[in-house]
Amino acid sequence: MRPTLAVCTAALVLVTVFPGLDLIVSRFFFDPDARAFPLQGHPLASAAHEAVQALPELLAGAFLLTALVWPARRKAALFLLAAGVAGPILLANTLLKDHWDRARPRDVAEFGGQARFTPAWLPASECTRNCSFVSGDGALGFYLHTFFYVLPPRFRRTVFVAGFFGTGTLFGGLRVAMGAHFLSDVLWAGALMLASSCCVHRLIYGPDATRAAWRDVLSLHRRTPPGASSAPAGDQQPGT
């Protein structure tokens, strides 16, 4: 797990320091003859994107229902709701997408548009609302890793991998292929969702519980004698 996260971090640094990599990746999905991204209007790709748009409301409803009818899991449900509001909604869609003003790939001159390409780290003025940085679909996909915090230790690593590397890559990668986002938009969405969910968990459960959850994901436990519990006392799932 640690090497994989290190590779992702290196990719984030590279695409940020060398913004031309964004153009190289997006060009792979661009048809120069048609001067368009073939998947931009593809029915299946569009349907998948619309399905992702409906997911936040479904999740919010499920969290609120759980909090109301299942007292033992109320804290966990409210944590997941708070992390979803803080990360994908406020940080990704409200603060960054509506104020960073980075043009989408399909709108920049290199791919037949009128806007100027700008690197991810630079606030721009090429778009006015619902812009490229960061990927909203990617942010939602990466946010799903947050479920690992509220599950028993033996499930945490699997759920983290599925939520972060699985749905995050799938949701964000589709938008790159559709010409809606650059690779850096997706990678930064992942990093920011990782950080925001961690901060929310730390605020609600405390730093010890957050460190314990990450030990389970990163496999940082010391070896224990046969017959002894493999998880330290601090790793017991909080709030259950």
Protein backbone atom coordinates (compact mmCIF):
# COMPACT_ATOMS: atom_id res chain seq x y z
CA MET A 1 0.00 0.00 0.00
CA ARG A 2 2.72 2.48 0.92
CA PRO A 3 4.58 2.07 -2.41
CA THR A 4 1.30 2.58 -4.28
CA LEU A 5 0.56 5.79 -2.41
CA ALA A 6 4.13 6.91 -3.04
CA VAL A 7 3.68 6.38 -6.79
CA CYS A 8 0.44 8.38 -6.72
CA THR A 9 2.18 11.18 -4.85
CA ALA A 10 5.02 11.20 -7.37
CA ALA A 11 2.52 11.36 -10.24
CA LEU A 12 0.77 14.30 -8.58
CA VAL A 13 4.05 16.15 -8.16
CA LEU A 14 5.15 15.46 -11.74
CA VAL A 15 1.92 16.58 -13.38
CA THR A 16 1.92 19.71 -11.22
CA VAL A 17 5.57 20.64 -11.86
CA PHE A 18 5.38 19.68 -15.55
CA PRO A 19 1.89 20.81 -16.64
CA GLY A 20 2.54 19.75 -20.24
CA LEU A 21 1.87 16.20 -19.06
CA ASP A 22 -1.79 17.17 -18.78
CA LEU A 23 -1.90 17.94 -22.49
CA ILE A 24 -0.07 14.72 -23.38
CA VAL A 25 -2.56 12.58 -21.46
CA SER A 26 -5.63 14.41 -22.79
CA ARG A 27 -4.29 14.21 -26.34
CA PHE A 28 -4.44 10.43 -26.08
CA PHE A 29 -8.27 10.66 -25.94
CA PHE A 30 -8.59 13.41 -28.56
CA ASP A 31 -9.45 12.75 -32.21
CA PRO A 32 -7.51 15.33 -34.26
CA ASP A 33 -9.50 14.61 -37.42
CA ALA A 34 -12.84 15.22 -35.76
CA ARG A 35 -11.34 17.93 -33.52
CA ALA A 36 -13.22 16.46 -30.57
CA PHE A 37 -13.10 13.96 -27.73
CA PRO A 38 -15.10 10.96 -29.04
CA LEU A 39 -16.39 10.03 -25.59
CA GLN A 40 -17.68 13.54 -24.87
CA GLY A 41 -21.12 12.83 -26.28
CA HIS A 42 -21.08 9.05 -26.11
CA PRO A 43 -24.40 7.77 -24.69
CA LEU A 44 -22.84 5.28 -22.27
CA ALA A 45 -20.25 7.75 -20.99
CA SER A 46 -22.91 10.43 -20.56
CA ALA A 47 -25.21 7.99 -18.76
CA ALA A 48 -22.41 7.00 -16.40
CA HIS A 49 -21.69 10.65 -15.66
CA GLU A 50 -25.37 11.33 -14.92
CA ALA A 51 -25.48 8.33 -12.59
CA VAL A 52 -22.54 9.72 -10.63
CA GLN A 53 -24.39 13.03 -10.29
CA ALA A 54 -27.26 11.26 -8.54
CA LEU A 55 -25.01 9.50 -6.04
CA PRO A 56 -24.58 12.34 -3.48
CA GLU A 57 -28.31 12.61 -2.82
CA LEU A 58 -28.63 8.85 -2.45
CA LEU A 59 -25.71 8.71 -0.02
CA ALA A 60 -26.97 11.68 2.02
CA GLY A 61 -30.39 10.07 2.33
CA ALA A 62 -28.87 6.76 3.41
CA PHE A 63 -26.68 8.46 6.03
CA LEU A 64 -29.58 10.43 7.50
CA LEU A 65 -31.82 7.37 7.58
CA THR A 66 -29.10 5.36 9.31
CA ALA A 67 -28.60 8.11 11.88
CA LEU A 68 -32.33 8.13 12.64
CA VAL A 69 -33.06 4.40 12.87
CA TRP A 70 -29.74 2.90 13.98
CA PRO A 71 -28.48 4.67 17.12
CA ALA A 72 -25.39 2.46 17.38
CA ARG A 73 -24.18 3.72 13.99
CA ARG A 74 -25.40 7.30 14.29
CA LYS A 75 -21.97 8.78 14.88
CA ALA A 76 -20.50 6.88 11.94
CA ALA A 77 -23.32 7.97 9.63
CA LEU A 78 -23.01 11.62 10.64
CA PHE A 79 -19.25 11.46 10.16
CA LEU A 80 -19.69 10.14 6.61
CA LEU A 81 -22.23 12.88 5.93
CA ALA A 82 -19.94 15.59 7.33
CA ALA A 83 -16.98 14.31 5.31
CA GLY A 84 -19.11 14.30 2.17
CA VAL A 85 -20.22 17.87 2.71
CA ALA A 86 -16.73 19.11 3.57
CA GLY A 87 -14.90 17.35 0.74
CA PRO A 88 -16.82 16.83 -2.52
CA ILE A 89 -19.42 19.56 -1.95
CA LEU A 90 -17.69 22.49 -0.24
CA LEU A 91 -14.00 22.02 -1.05
CA ALA A 92 -14.19 20.51 -4.54
CA ASN A 93 -17.35 21.89 -6.10
CA THR A 94 -17.95 25.16 -4.28
CA LEU A 95 -14.53 26.50 -3.36
CA LEU A 96 -12.37 25.22 -6.22
CA LYS A 97 -14.52 24.42 -9.27
CA ASP A 98 -16.40 27.72 -9.06
CA HIS A 99 -13.41 29.91 -8.19
CA TRP A 100 -10.19 28.44 -9.65
CA ASP A 101 -11.42 29.26 -13.18
CA ARG A 102 -9.32 26.68 -15.05
CA ALA A 103 -10.67 25.81 -18.50
CA ARG A 104 -11.60 22.24 -19.32
CA PRO A 105 -9.56 20.31 -21.92
CA ARG A 106 -12.33 20.47 -24.51
CA ASP A 107 -12.36 24.28 -24.18
CA VAL A 108 -8.64 25.05 -24.58
CA ALA A 109 -7.03 26.05 -27.86
CA GLU A 110 -4.91 22.90 -28.03
CA PHE A 111 -8.11 20.86 -28.47
CA GLY A 112 -10.12 23.17 -30.68
CA GLY A 113 -11.48 25.56 -28.05
CA GLN A 114 -10.91 29.24 -27.39
CA ALA A 115 -9.59 29.23 -23.83
CA ARG A 116 -5.98 29.30 -22.71
CA PHE A 117 -4.44 26.24 -21.08
CA THR A 118 -3.21 26.93 -17.54
CA PRO A 119 -1.38 24.68 -15.07
CA ALA A 120 -3.27 23.20 -12.16
CA TRP A 121 -1.44 25.21 -9.50
CA LEU A 122 -2.26 28.59 -11.08
CA PRO A 123 -5.63 30.30 -10.45
CA ALA A 124 -6.87 31.44 -13.84
CA SER A 125 -9.59 33.46 -15.54
CA GLU A 126 -10.49 31.12 -18.41
CA CYS A 127 -13.82 29.89 -17.01
CA THR A 128 -16.51 31.42 -14.82
CA ARG A 129 -18.35 28.52 -13.17
CA ASN A 130 -18.19 24.74 -12.85
CA CYS A 131 -14.65 24.73 -14.19
CA SER A 132 -11.98 22.07 -14.58
CA PHE A 133 -10.07 22.19 -11.29
CA VAL A 134 -10.75 19.93 -9.48
CA SER A 135 -12.72 17.01 -10.88
CA GLY A 136 -16.10 16.82 -9.16
CA ASP A 137 -16.79 13.25 -10.27
CA GLY A 138 -13.27 12.28 -9.26
CA ALA A 139 -13.72 13.93 -5.86
CA LEU A 140 -16.89 11.93 -5.25
CA GLY A 141 -15.23 8.70 -6.30
CA PHE A 142 -12.20 9.30 -4.09
CA TYR A 143 -14.44 10.33 -1.19
CA LEU A 144 -15.86 6.80 -1.06
CA HIS A 145 -12.62 5.64 0.56
CA THR A 146 -13.94 7.40 3.68
CA PHE A 147 -16.07 4.35 4.52
CA PHE A 148 -12.93 2.56 5.70
CA TYR A 149 -12.84 4.74 8.82
CA VAL A 150 -16.12 3.34 10.18
CA LEU A 151 -15.58 -0.35 9.44
CA PRO A 152 -13.88 -3.04 11.54
CA PRO A 153 -10.08 -3.17 11.13
CA ARG A 154 -10.08 -6.33 9.01
CA PHE A 155 -12.11 -4.60 6.27
CA ARG A 156 -10.40 -1.23 6.24
CA ARG A 157 -7.64 -1.85 3.74
CA THR A 158 -9.94 -3.52 1.20
CA VAL A 159 -12.51 -0.74 1.39
CA PHE A 160 -9.82 1.94 1.15
CA VAL A 161 -8.40 0.38 -2.00
CA ALA A 162 -11.85 -0.05 -3.58
CA GLY A 163 -12.95 3.48 -2.70
CA PHE A 164 -9.76 5.37 -3.47
CA PHE A 165 -8.05 3.48 -6.27
CA GLY A 166 -11.24 1.90 -7.61
CA THR A 167 -14.10 4.37 -7.80
CA GLY A 168 -11.85 7.43 -7.69
CA THR A 169 -9.86 6.27 -10.69
CA LEU A 170 -12.98 5.09 -12.53
CA PHE A 171 -15.05 8.25 -12.02
CA GLY A 172 -12.16 10.63 -12.62
CA GLY A 173 -10.65 8.65 -15.49
CA LEU A 174 -13.92 8.68 -17.39
CA ARG A 175 -14.06 12.46 -17.20
CA VAL A 176 -10.49 12.73 -18.49
CA ALA A 177 -11.43 10.51 -21.43
CA MET A 178 -14.48 12.71 -22.11
CA GLY A 179 -12.33 15.84 -22.31
CA ALA A 180 -13.95 17.30 -19.21
CA HIS A 181 -10.88 17.25 -16.94
CA PHE A 182 -7.13 17.10 -17.04
CA LEU A 183 -5.22 14.36 -15.25
CA SER A 184 -4.04 16.84 -12.62
CA ASP A 185 -7.67 17.76 -11.84
CA VAL A 186 -8.29 14.13 -10.91
CA LEU A 187 -5.06 13.60 -8.97
CA TRP A 188 -5.56 16.75 -6.93
CA ALA A 189 -9.16 15.71 -6.23
CA GLY A 190 -7.83 12.49 -4.74
CA ALA A 191 -5.24 14.22 -2.57
CA LEU A 192 -7.74 16.77 -1.30
CA MET A 193 -10.43 14.19 -0.49
CA LEU A 194 -7.84 12.13 1.37
CA ALA A 195 -6.86 15.15 3.45
CA SER A 196 -10.37 16.50 4.06
CA SER A 197 -11.82 13.16 5.21
CA CYS A 198 -8.83 12.63 7.49
CA CYS A 199 -9.33 16.06 9.06
CA VAL A 200 -13.06 15.50 9.60
CA HIS A 201 -12.42 12.10 11.17
CA ARG A 202 -9.79 13.60 13.46
CA LEU A 203 -12.21 16.31 14.57
CA ILE A 204 -15.04 13.87 15.31
CA TYR A 205 -13.19 10.80 16.63
CA GLY A 206 -9.88 12.25 17.78
CA PRO A 207 -6.29 11.80 16.56
CA ASP A 208 -5.77 8.41 18.19
CA ALA A 209 -8.67 6.83 16.30
CA THR A 210 -7.50 8.39 13.04
CA ARG A 211 -3.97 7.06 13.48
CA ALA A 212 -5.36 3.63 14.33
CA ALA A 213 -7.45 3.54 11.16
CA TRP A 214 -4.44 4.46 9.04
CA ARG A 215 -2.31 1.81 10.71
CA ASP A 216 -4.82 -0.76 9.53
CA VAL A 217 -4.63 0.55 5.97
CA LEU A 218 -0.85 0.86 5.85
CA SER A 219 -0.20 -2.37 7.78
CA LEU A 220 1.95 -0.68 10.39
CA HIS A 221 1.14 -3.09 13.24
CA ARG A 222 3.90 -4.83 15.10
CA ARG A 223 3.86 -8.59 15.00
CA THR A 224 2.09 -10.17 17.95
CA PRO A 225 2.57 -13.56 19.58
CA PRO A 226 0.38 -16.45 18.36
CA GLY A 227 -3.06 -16.31 19.90
CA ALA A 228 -2.80 -12.62 20.76
CA SER A 229 -5.01 -9.99 19.18
CA SER A 230 -3.47 -8.49 16.05
CA ALA A 231 -5.01 -5.07 16.65
CA PRO A 232 -4.04 -2.82 19.55
CA ALA A 233 -6.69 -1.55 21.91
CA GLY A 234 -6.74 1.81 20.22
CA ASP A 235 -7.81 0.16 16.95
CA GLN A 236 -11.22 -0.88 18.20
CA GLN A 237 -13.83 0.78 16.05
CA PRO A 238 -14.98 4.00 17.72
CA GLY A 239 -18.61 4.80 18.09
CA THR A 240 -19.88 1.22 17.95
